[in-house]
């Protein structure tokens, strides 16, 4: 091949790479997350915010994508939209078998989530083992999961009352209409204080489990090829203290925001 031909070939390959890059990385991705789980993610002023949305936007921006955060979904609807292929990313979710049919998960967690039981201060539930929960009334948010093992136990041994908004569960617990509510220790404390239930509701000392939140992408999105990069960056963000700083930052931000009660 002549030098001129080589230059022409290199030029054509360069153009092709640019076009390929543009078509692959100028795409806008749709992401959703849990609407009532500060500091991981929550909705305020019709915006999804928190640790997980921030990390998701940052990591995919490094890959050349723009991430549009969807805030119009409850948690169950968020998972359904991703399952249908109408959204590409769940900013943070537990890795449970029922979600493996439609989600690819990062190997590195976004954050660990110690789970405890929140109870009414005036009539606290005595909890030493799971047998103490048999026959009790559990308050859960639609779409919530606390790991396959605990989910199955609660389903088979307690009466579950589902709600669409977290405030409903806190209110029911404050008025002793449910016996307990499983929730992450940090998120539960933040929400009870923000909603004004701190004097009526408290967490038990015993943890029932520690779950991990992972970044997850739809199997219809074609984004699984980026998971090794995402794992690498999540590990770095933990090691350099960024995740811890963001957790503290968004915990304070959630408490400082003016309460928008209908959205809780």
Foldseek 3Di string as FASTA:
>chain_A
DDPVVVVVVVVVVVVVVVVVLCVVQADEFEEEEAQQFPQCWHDDPQFIDHQLVVLVQVLSVVVRYGYDYGRPDHHQVRLVCLQVVVGWKYSWDFDEPVSVVWKDWFPAFLDKFFKFKKAWPVDAQDDDDLVSQFAFEEEEEPPDDDYPVVVVSCVVGYHYDYDPDPVVVLVCRLVVVGGIYMDGQLSVVLVCVLVVNPVTMDTDPDTPDMTTMTMITTPVNPCPVCSVVSNVVSVVCVVVCVSVVRNVVSSVVSSPDDDPVVRD
